[in-house]
Structure formats: structure tokens, C-alpha cells
Amino acid sequence: LIGNLILVGVFKMGIMGSAIITCISYLVMMVVGLMYMKKYIDIEFPTMVWAKTMFAGFVFTGSIYALKSLLRMNIWTEAFTVMAISGILYVILIFALKIVSIKELKSIYRRVVDK
């Protein structure tokens, strides 16, 4: 609530400010929940995978923002172009950072198709 008041009210960010503060609050809730869980359960979290995934997500979001400000096209053409380029960049990052491998995708595909 306080974050929304600050970003939406003070900085006049509107719906974008509300979305940003919602993401931050969900991240804080996840971290607090994981710390609480770790207190009672002996478990190791894949923090490096999470960090890499968050990095790829930030790059994806940043590329959407950058491309939207650079391109001036028909709204549908622009949306398709921005999402296609950003999506390809995201997939490349997912494989380059070794978050997902081709072997894992093949394994998932076999489990789904062979049913």
C-alpha cells in the first residue's frame, strides 16, 4: 500500500508504478516465505538458477521497453516485432546461461508425447 502511494501518487507512474511495486512485494513475500521454510526444513534452494532466470527476465523486459521506444510502426506490427525479437533474445539467454538444456527439453517432450 505504501509503495503504491509513493509510486502512483508521488511519482505519478500510474499503472506502471502499481505493477512495479506489486512485483517487488511478491518478491519480498517469496523471500520471507523461503526463509521461514528453511527454518523448519533442511532444503537447498537453486538460487543461482533463480538469479539467472531473473536476469534473463530483466533483459527481456528491458529489450521490450527499448524496442518500443525505438520502433514506430502500426501497433500490431510493432507488438509482433517487439515480442518476437525480445522472445528470441530470452530463449537465447535461457540456453546461454544454461538454465535449460536441449536434453531437458527432449526429456519433457518424450514424457508428454509418449503418454
N, C-alpha and C. Protein backbone atom coordinates (compact mmCIF):
# COMPACT_ATOMS: atom_id res chain seq x y z
N LEU A 1 0.83 -1.20 0.00
CA LEU A 1 0.00 0.00 0.00
C LEU A 1 0.87 1.26 0.00
N ILE A 2 1.89 1.27 0.84
CA ILE A 2 2.77 2.43 0.91
C ILE A 2 3.52 2.61 -0.41
N GLY A 3 4.00 1.51 -0.97
CA GLY A 3 4.70 1.57 -2.25
C GLY A 3 3.80 2.10 -3.35
N ASN A 4 2.55 1.65 -3.38
CA ASN A 4 1.60 2.16 -4.37
C ASN A 4 1.38 3.66 -4.19
N LEU A 5 1.22 4.09 -2.94
CA LEU A 5 1.03 5.52 -2.69
C LEU A 5 2.23 6.33 -3.17
N ILE A 6 3.43 5.79 -2.96
CA ILE A 6 4.64 6.51 -3.37
C ILE A 6 4.78 6.53 -4.89
N LEU A 7 4.73 5.36 -5.52
CA LEU A 7 4.95 5.30 -6.96
C LEU A 7 3.80 5.88 -7.78
N VAL A 8 2.58 5.62 -7.35
CA VAL A 8 1.42 6.10 -8.11
C VAL A 8 1.10 7.54 -7.75
N GLY A 9 1.11 7.85 -6.44
CA GLY A 9 0.73 9.18 -6.00
C GLY A 9 1.83 10.22 -6.14
N VAL A 10 3.00 9.94 -5.60
CA VAL A 10 4.08 10.93 -5.57
C VAL A 10 4.79 11.02 -6.92
N PHE A 11 5.21 9.88 -7.47
CA PHE A 11 5.98 9.89 -8.72
C PHE A 11 5.11 9.85 -9.97
N LYS A 12 3.79 9.76 -9.81
CA LYS A 12 2.84 9.79 -10.93
C LYS A 12 3.16 8.75 -12.00
N MET A 13 3.49 7.53 -11.56
CA MET A 13 3.82 6.47 -12.51
C MET A 13 2.58 5.71 -12.98
N GLY A 14 1.46 5.92 -12.34
CA GLY A 14 0.22 5.28 -12.77
C GLY A 14 0.26 3.76 -12.63
N ILE A 15 -0.31 3.10 -13.62
CA ILE A 15 -0.42 1.64 -13.59
C ILE A 15 0.94 0.96 -13.62
N MET A 16 1.93 1.60 -14.28
CA MET A 16 3.28 1.04 -14.32
C MET A 16 3.88 0.99 -12.91
N GLY A 17 3.69 2.04 -12.14
CA GLY A 17 4.18 2.06 -10.76
C GLY A 17 3.52 0.99 -9.91
N SER A 18 2.22 0.80 -10.13
CA SER A 18 1.50 -0.23 -9.40
C SER A 18 2.02 -1.63 -9.75
N ALA A 19 2.31 -1.86 -11.03
CA ALA A 19 2.85 -3.16 -11.46
C ALA A 19 4.23 -3.39 -10.87
N ILE A 20 5.06 -2.36 -10.86
CA ILE A 20 6.42 -2.49 -10.30
C ILE A 20 6.36 -2.82 -8.83
N ILE A 21 5.56 -2.11 -8.08
CA ILE A 21 5.51 -2.34 -6.63
C ILE A 21 4.87 -3.69 -6.31
N THR A 22 3.95 -4.15 -7.16
CA THR A 22 3.36 -5.48 -6.96
C THR A 22 4.42 -6.56 -7.15
N CYS A 23 5.26 -6.43 -8.18
CA CYS A 23 6.35 -7.39 -8.40
C CYS A 23 7.32 -7.39 -7.21
N ILE A 24 7.66 -6.22 -6.73
CA ILE A 24 8.58 -6.11 -5.59
C ILE A 24 7.97 -6.76 -4.36
N SER A 25 6.68 -6.52 -4.11
CA SER A 25 6.05 -7.10 -2.93
C SER A 25 5.96 -8.62 -3.02
N TYR A 26 5.68 -9.15 -4.21
CA TYR A 26 5.67 -10.61 -4.37
C TYR A 26 7.07 -11.20 -4.16
N LEU A 27 8.09 -10.51 -4.61
CA LEU A 27 9.46 -10.97 -4.40
C LEU A 27 9.79 -11.00 -2.91
N VAL A 28 9.41 -9.96 -2.20
CA VAL A 28 9.66 -9.90 -0.75
C VAL A 28 8.90 -11.02 -0.04
N MET A 29 7.64 -11.25 -0.43
CA MET A 29 6.86 -12.33 0.20
C MET A 29 7.50 -13.68 -0.07
N MET A 30 8.03 -13.90 -1.28
CA MET A 30 8.67 -15.16 -1.60
C MET A 30 9.92 -15.36 -0.75
N VAL A 31 10.74 -14.32 -0.62
CA VAL A 31 11.97 -14.43 0.16
C VAL A 31 11.65 -14.71 1.62
N VAL A 32 10.69 -14.00 2.20
CA VAL A 32 10.32 -14.22 3.60
C VAL A 32 9.77 -15.64 3.78
N GLY A 33 8.93 -16.09 2.85
CA GLY A 33 8.39 -17.44 2.93
C GLY A 33 9.47 -18.51 2.84
N LEU A 34 10.44 -18.30 1.95
CA LEU A 34 11.54 -19.26 1.81
C LEU A 34 12.41 -19.28 3.06
N MET A 35 12.65 -18.10 3.63
CA MET A 35 13.44 -18.06 4.87
C MET A 35 12.71 -18.79 6.01
N TYR A 36 11.42 -18.60 6.08
CA TYR A 36 10.61 -19.27 7.09
C TYR A 36 10.62 -20.77 6.88
N MET A 37 10.51 -21.20 5.62
CA MET A 37 10.52 -22.63 5.29
C MET A 37 11.88 -23.24 5.64
N LYS A 38 12.95 -22.53 5.31
CA LYS A 38 14.31 -23.02 5.57
C LYS A 38 14.55 -23.22 7.07
N LYS A 39 13.86 -22.44 7.87
CA LYS A 39 13.99 -22.53 9.32
C LYS A 39 13.50 -23.90 9.83
N TYR A 40 12.50 -24.47 9.16
CA TYR A 40 11.89 -25.72 9.62
C TYR A 40 12.25 -26.94 8.78
N ILE A 41 12.70 -26.72 7.55
CA ILE A 41 13.02 -27.82 6.65
C ILE A 41 14.44 -27.65 6.15
N ASP A 42 15.21 -28.72 6.19
CA ASP A 42 16.57 -28.67 5.67
C ASP A 42 16.51 -28.85 4.15
N ILE A 43 16.59 -27.74 3.44
CA ILE A 43 16.44 -27.76 1.99
C ILE A 43 17.39 -26.75 1.37
N GLU A 44 17.90 -27.10 0.19
CA GLU A 44 18.77 -26.19 -0.55
C GLU A 44 17.97 -25.63 -1.73
N PHE A 45 17.96 -24.33 -1.86
CA PHE A 45 17.23 -23.69 -2.95
C PHE A 45 18.17 -23.42 -4.12
N PRO A 46 17.66 -23.55 -5.35
CA PRO A 46 18.50 -23.30 -6.54
C PRO A 46 18.65 -21.79 -6.80
N THR A 47 19.32 -21.10 -5.92
CA THR A 47 19.40 -19.64 -6.01
C THR A 47 20.11 -19.15 -7.27
N MET A 48 21.12 -19.87 -7.74
CA MET A 48 21.81 -19.45 -8.96
C MET A 48 20.88 -19.54 -10.17
N VAL A 49 20.10 -20.60 -10.24
CA VAL A 49 19.15 -20.74 -11.34
C VAL A 49 18.12 -19.62 -11.26
N TRP A 50 17.65 -19.33 -10.06
CA TRP A 50 16.68 -18.24 -9.89
C TRP A 50 17.29 -16.90 -10.29
N ALA A 51 18.53 -16.66 -9.90
CA ALA A 51 19.19 -15.40 -10.24
C ALA A 51 19.37 -15.27 -11.76
N LYS A 52 19.77 -16.36 -12.40
CA LYS A 52 19.93 -16.34 -13.86
C LYS A 52 18.60 -16.10 -14.55
N THR A 53 17.55 -16.74 -14.05
CA THR A 53 16.22 -16.57 -14.64
C THR A 53 15.74 -15.13 -14.47
N MET A 54 15.97 -14.55 -13.29
CA MET A 54 15.59 -13.15 -13.07
C MET A 54 16.38 -12.23 -14.00
N PHE A 55 17.66 -12.50 -14.18
CA PHE A 55 18.47 -11.70 -15.09
C PHE A 55 17.92 -11.75 -16.51
N ALA A 56 17.61 -12.96 -16.97
CA ALA A 56 17.05 -13.13 -18.31
C ALA A 56 15.71 -12.39 -18.42
N GLY A 57 14.91 -12.44 -17.38
CA GLY A 57 13.64 -11.73 -17.37
C GLY A 57 13.81 -10.22 -17.43
N PHE A 58 14.80 -9.70 -16.69
CA PHE A 58 15.08 -8.27 -16.73
C PHE A 58 15.57 -7.84 -18.11
N VAL A 59 16.42 -8.65 -18.72
CA VAL A 59 16.89 -8.35 -20.08
C VAL A 59 15.71 -8.37 -21.06
N PHE A 60 14.84 -9.35 -20.92
CA PHE A 60 13.64 -9.46 -21.76
C PHE A 60 12.78 -8.21 -21.62
N THR A 61 12.51 -7.82 -20.38
CA THR A 61 11.69 -6.64 -20.13
C THR A 61 12.36 -5.37 -20.64
N GLY A 62 13.67 -5.25 -20.40
CA GLY A 62 14.40 -4.09 -20.88
C GLY A 62 14.41 -4.00 -22.40
N SER A 63 14.53 -5.16 -23.06
CA SER A 63 14.53 -5.14 -24.52
C SER A 63 13.16 -4.74 -25.06
N ILE A 64 12.10 -5.15 -24.40
CA ILE A 64 10.76 -4.72 -24.81
C ILE A 64 10.64 -3.20 -24.69
N TYR A 65 11.06 -2.68 -23.56
CA TYR A 65 10.99 -1.24 -23.32
C TYR A 65 11.82 -0.47 -24.34
N ALA A 66 13.05 -0.93 -24.59
CA ALA A 66 13.94 -0.25 -25.54
C ALA A 66 13.39 -0.30 -26.96
N LEU A 67 12.93 -1.48 -27.37
CA LEU A 67 12.40 -1.62 -28.74
C LEU A 67 11.13 -0.80 -28.93
N LYS A 68 10.27 -0.75 -27.91
CA LYS A 68 9.04 0.04 -28.01
C LYS A 68 9.35 1.52 -28.19
N SER A 69 10.41 1.99 -27.56
CA SER A 69 10.74 3.40 -27.70
C SER A 69 11.48 3.68 -29.02
N LEU A 70 12.09 2.67 -29.63
CA LEU A 70 12.81 2.86 -30.89
C LEU A 70 11.91 2.72 -32.12
N LEU A 71 10.97 1.79 -32.07
CA LEU A 71 10.15 1.49 -33.25
C LEU A 71 8.90 2.35 -33.31
N ARG A 72 8.56 2.77 -34.51
CA ARG A 72 7.32 3.50 -34.76
C ARG A 72 6.64 2.86 -35.96
N MET A 73 5.73 1.93 -35.68
CA MET A 73 5.04 1.19 -36.73
C MET A 73 3.56 1.12 -36.38
N ASN A 74 2.84 0.42 -37.23
CA ASN A 74 1.47 0.05 -36.92
C ASN A 74 1.50 -0.70 -35.60
N ILE A 75 0.52 -0.49 -34.73
CA ILE A 75 0.54 -1.06 -33.38
C ILE A 75 0.68 -2.58 -33.39
N TRP A 76 0.01 -3.26 -34.31
CA TRP A 76 0.07 -4.72 -34.36
C TRP A 76 1.41 -5.20 -34.88
N THR A 77 1.94 -4.53 -35.88
CA THR A 77 3.26 -4.88 -36.41
C THR A 77 4.33 -4.64 -35.36
N GLU A 78 4.22 -3.51 -34.68
CA GLU A 78 5.19 -3.18 -33.63
C GLU A 78 5.13 -4.19 -32.50
N ALA A 79 3.93 -4.54 -32.06
CA ALA A 79 3.79 -5.51 -30.96
C ALA A 79 4.38 -6.86 -31.36
N PHE A 80 4.08 -7.32 -32.57
CA PHE A 80 4.61 -8.60 -33.03
C PHE A 80 6.13 -8.55 -33.13
N THR A 81 6.67 -7.48 -33.70
CA THR A 81 8.12 -7.34 -33.88
C THR A 81 8.84 -7.29 -32.53
N VAL A 82 8.33 -6.47 -31.63
CA VAL A 82 8.95 -6.33 -30.31
C VAL A 82 8.93 -7.66 -29.56
N MET A 83 7.79 -8.34 -29.55
CA MET A 83 7.69 -9.60 -28.82
C MET A 83 8.53 -10.70 -29.47
N ALA A 84 8.59 -10.71 -30.79
CA ALA A 84 9.40 -11.73 -31.48
C ALA A 84 10.88 -11.54 -31.17
N ILE A 85 11.38 -10.31 -31.30
CA ILE A 85 12.80 -10.06 -31.04
C ILE A 85 13.13 -10.31 -29.57
N SER A 86 12.30 -9.80 -28.67
CA SER A 86 12.55 -9.98 -27.24
C SER A 86 12.43 -11.45 -26.85
N GLY A 87 11.47 -12.16 -27.42
CA GLY A 87 11.30 -13.58 -27.13
C GLY A 87 12.49 -14.41 -27.58
N ILE A 88 13.00 -14.10 -28.78
CA ILE A 88 14.18 -14.81 -29.28
C ILE A 88 15.38 -14.53 -28.37
N LEU A 89 15.53 -13.27 -27.97
CA LEU A 89 16.61 -12.91 -27.05
C LEU A 89 16.50 -13.67 -25.73
N TYR A 90 15.28 -13.79 -25.20
CA TYR A 90 15.05 -14.51 -23.95
C TYR A 90 15.42 -15.99 -24.09
N VAL A 91 14.99 -16.61 -25.17
CA VAL A 91 15.30 -18.03 -25.39
C VAL A 91 16.81 -18.23 -25.51
N ILE A 92 17.49 -17.34 -26.24
CA ILE A 92 18.94 -17.43 -26.37
C ILE A 92 19.60 -17.32 -24.99
N LEU A 93 19.13 -16.38 -24.18
CA LEU A 93 19.69 -16.22 -22.83
C LEU A 93 19.44 -17.45 -21.95
N ILE A 94 18.26 -18.02 -22.05
CA ILE A 94 17.93 -19.22 -21.26
C ILE A 94 18.92 -20.35 -21.56
N PHE A 95 19.25 -20.52 -22.84
CA PHE A 95 20.20 -21.58 -23.20
C PHE A 95 21.64 -21.16 -22.92
N ALA A 96 21.98 -19.89 -23.16
CA ALA A 96 23.36 -19.42 -22.94
C ALA A 96 23.72 -19.45 -21.46
N LEU A 97 22.77 -19.14 -20.59
CA LEU A 97 23.03 -19.16 -19.15
C LEU A 97 22.87 -20.56 -18.55
N LYS A 98 22.54 -21.51 -19.41
CA LYS A 98 22.38 -22.92 -19.01
C LYS A 98 21.30 -23.11 -17.95
N ILE A 99 20.21 -22.36 -18.11
CA ILE A 99 19.06 -22.54 -17.23
C ILE A 99 18.29 -23.78 -17.67
N VAL A 100 18.20 -23.95 -18.98
CA VAL A 100 17.53 -25.10 -19.58
C VAL A 100 18.46 -25.66 -20.65
N SER A 101 18.46 -26.97 -20.79
CA SER A 101 19.28 -27.59 -21.83
C SER A 101 18.37 -28.29 -22.85
N ILE A 102 18.93 -28.56 -23.99
CA ILE A 102 18.20 -29.29 -25.04
C ILE A 102 17.81 -30.67 -24.52
N LYS A 103 18.70 -31.28 -23.76
CA LYS A 103 18.44 -32.61 -23.19
C LYS A 103 17.19 -32.58 -22.31
N GLU A 104 17.06 -31.54 -21.47
CA GLU A 104 15.88 -31.42 -20.62
C GLU A 104 14.61 -31.25 -21.45
N LEU A 105 14.69 -30.43 -22.49
CA LEU A 105 13.52 -30.22 -23.34
C LEU A 105 13.10 -31.52 -24.04
N LYS A 106 14.08 -32.28 -24.51
CA LYS A 106 13.77 -33.56 -25.16
C LYS A 106 13.12 -34.51 -24.16
N SER A 107 13.62 -34.54 -22.94
CA SER A 107 13.06 -35.40 -21.90
C SER A 107 11.61 -35.03 -21.61
N ILE A 108 11.33 -33.75 -21.48
CA ILE A 108 9.96 -33.28 -21.23
C ILE A 108 9.07 -33.63 -22.41
N TYR A 109 9.57 -33.41 -23.60
CA TYR A 109 8.79 -33.71 -24.81
C TYR A 109 8.42 -35.19 -24.86
N ARG A 110 9.38 -36.05 -24.57
CA ARG A 110 9.12 -37.51 -24.60
C ARG A 110 8.07 -37.89 -23.57
N ARG A 111 8.14 -37.29 -22.38
CA ARG A 111 7.16 -37.61 -21.34
C ARG A 111 5.76 -37.16 -21.72
N VAL A 112 5.66 -36.03 -22.39
CA VAL A 112 4.35 -35.50 -22.76
C VAL A 112 3.78 -36.24 -23.98
N VAL A 113 4.60 -36.46 -24.98
CA VAL A 113 4.12 -37.07 -26.23
C VAL A 113 3.88 -38.56 -26.07
N ASP A 114 4.70 -39.26 -25.30
CA ASP A 114 4.58 -40.71 -25.16
C ASP A 114 3.40 -41.14 -24.30
N LYS A 115 2.68 -40.23 -23.73
CA LYS A 115 1.54 -40.63 -22.86
C LYS A 115 0.40 -41.13 -23.65
